[in-house]
C-alpha atoms as a PDB file:
ATOM      1  CA  UNK A   1    -109.257-112.100 220.621  1.00  0.00           C
ATOM      2  CA  UNK A   2    -108.864-111.909 216.914  1.00  0.00           C
ATOM      3  CA  UNK A   3    -107.088-109.072 215.211  1.00  0.00           C
ATOM      4  CA  UNK A   4    -109.342-106.524 213.541  1.00  0.00           C
ATOM      5  CA  UNK A   5    -108.689-106.371 209.789  1.00  0.00           C
ATOM      6  CA  UNK A   6    -109.701-103.644 207.386  1.00  0.00           C
ATOM      7  CA  UNK A   7    -110.963-105.627 204.378  1.00  0.00           C
ATOM      8  CA  UNK A   8    -110.609-102.696 202.001  1.00  0.00           C
ATOM      9  CA  UNK A   9    -106.925-102.351 202.893  1.00  0.00           C
ATOM     10  CA  UNK A  10    -106.382-106.107 202.494  1.00  0.00           C
ATOM     11  CA  UNK A  11    -108.013-106.021 199.053  1.00  0.00           C
ATOM     12  CA  UNK A  12    -105.878-103.067 197.965  1.00  0.00           C
ATOM     13  CA  UNK A  13    -102.690-104.723 199.264  1.00  0.00           C
ATOM     14  CA  UNK A  14    -103.490-107.909 197.356  1.00  0.00           C
ATOM     15  CA  UNK A  15    -104.150-105.939 194.163  1.00  0.00           C
ATOM     16  CA  UNK A  16    -100.870-104.068 194.630  1.00  0.00           C
ATOM     17  CA  UNK A  17     -98.940-107.344 195.054  1.00  0.00           C
ATOM     18  CA  UNK A  18    -100.603-108.766 191.926  1.00  0.00           C
ATOM     19  CA  UNK A  19     -99.683-105.693 189.874  1.00  0.00           C
ATOM     20  CA  UNK A  20     -96.101-105.801 191.141  1.00  0.00           C
ATOM     21  CA  UNK A  21     -95.686-109.470 190.240  1.00  0.00           C
ATOM     22  CA  UNK A  22     -97.106-108.857 186.761  1.00  0.00           C
ATOM     23  CA  UNK A  23     -94.783-105.878 186.290  1.00  0.00           C
ATOM     24  CA  UNK A  24     -91.808-108.006 187.334  1.00  0.00           C
ATOM     25  CA  UNK A  25     -92.762-110.674 184.796  1.00  0.00           C
ATOM     26  CA  UNK A  26     -93.070-108.030 182.065  1.00  0.00           C
ATOM     27  CA  UNK A  27     -89.677-106.581 182.984  1.00  0.00           C
ATOM     28  CA  UNK A  28     -88.135-110.018 182.597  1.00  0.00           C
ATOM     29  CA  UNK A  29     -89.839-110.608 179.257  1.00  0.00           C
ATOM     30  CA  UNK A  30     -89.563-107.216 177.578  1.00  0.00           C
ATOM     31  CA  UNK A  31     -86.874-105.321 179.490  1.00  0.00           C
ATOM     32  CA  UNK A  32     -83.896-106.299 177.346  1.00  0.00           C
ATOM     33  CA  UNK A  33     -81.917-104.207 174.906  1.00  0.00           C
ATOM     34  CA  UNK A  34     -81.795-104.938 171.213  1.00  0.00           C
ATOM     35  CA  UNK A  35     -78.151-106.000 171.505  1.00  0.00           C
ATOM     36  CA  UNK A  36     -79.037-108.541 174.216  1.00  0.00           C
ATOM     37  CA  UNK A  37     -81.813-109.988 172.075  1.00  0.00           C
ATOM     38  CA  UNK A  38     -79.505-110.294 169.050  1.00  0.00           C
ATOM     39  CA  UNK A  39     -76.747-111.885 171.145  1.00  0.00           C
ATOM     40  CA  UNK A  40     -79.176-114.463 172.558  1.00  0.00           C
ATOM     41  CA  UNK A  41     -80.517-115.254 169.095  1.00  0.00           C
ATOM     42  CA  UNK A  42     -76.987-115.683 167.709  1.00  0.00           C
ATOM     43  CA  UNK A  43     -75.998-117.956 170.603  1.00  0.00           C
ATOM     44  CA  UNK A  44     -79.082-120.105 170.042  1.00  0.00           C
ATOM     45  CA  UNK A  45     -78.329-120.337 166.309  1.00  0.00           C
ATOM     46  CA  UNK A  46     -74.709-121.355 166.976  1.00  0.00           C
ATOM     47  CA  UNK A  47     -75.784-124.002 169.477  1.00  0.00           C
ATOM     48  CA  UNK A  48     -78.384-125.439 167.108  1.00  0.00           C
ATOM     49  CA  UNK A  49     -75.903-125.491 164.233  1.00  0.00           C
ATOM     50  CA  UNK A  50     -73.321-127.218 166.427  1.00  0.00           C
ATOM     51  CA  UNK A  51     -75.778-129.911 167.514  1.00  0.00           C
ATOM     52  CA  UNK A  52     -76.993-130.483 163.952  1.00  0.00           C
ATOM     53  CA  UNK A  53     -73.403-130.975 162.807  1.00  0.00           C
ATOM     54  CA  UNK A  54     -72.834-133.674 165.450  1.00  0.00           C
ATOM     55  CA  UNK A  55     -75.968-135.641 164.627  1.00  0.00           C
ATOM     56  CA  UNK A  56     -75.363-139.212 163.516  1.00  0.00           C
ATOM     57  CA  UNK A  57     -77.099-140.245 160.356  1.00  0.00           C
ATOM     58  CA  UNK A  58     -78.812-143.633 160.187  1.00  0.00           C
ATOM     59  CA  UNK A  59     -77.029-146.413 158.259  1.00  0.00           C
ATOM     60  CA  UNK A  60     -78.449-147.258 154.858  1.00  0.00           C
ATOM     61  CA  UNK A  61     -79.217-151.004 154.323  1.00  0.00           C
END
């Protein structure tokens, strides 16, 4: 025999899982301190500057 399932409970559980996954994504995106954001921005700037300094320029004919 098949298991009896309460569809209302299944719907609510699915909605709860969806909300939790969205909240987790928002925590990853927005849950950082100002100092962490500044440090990441500075690291990205240093890396870009370093790569730009190592770029070879094309030879002029």
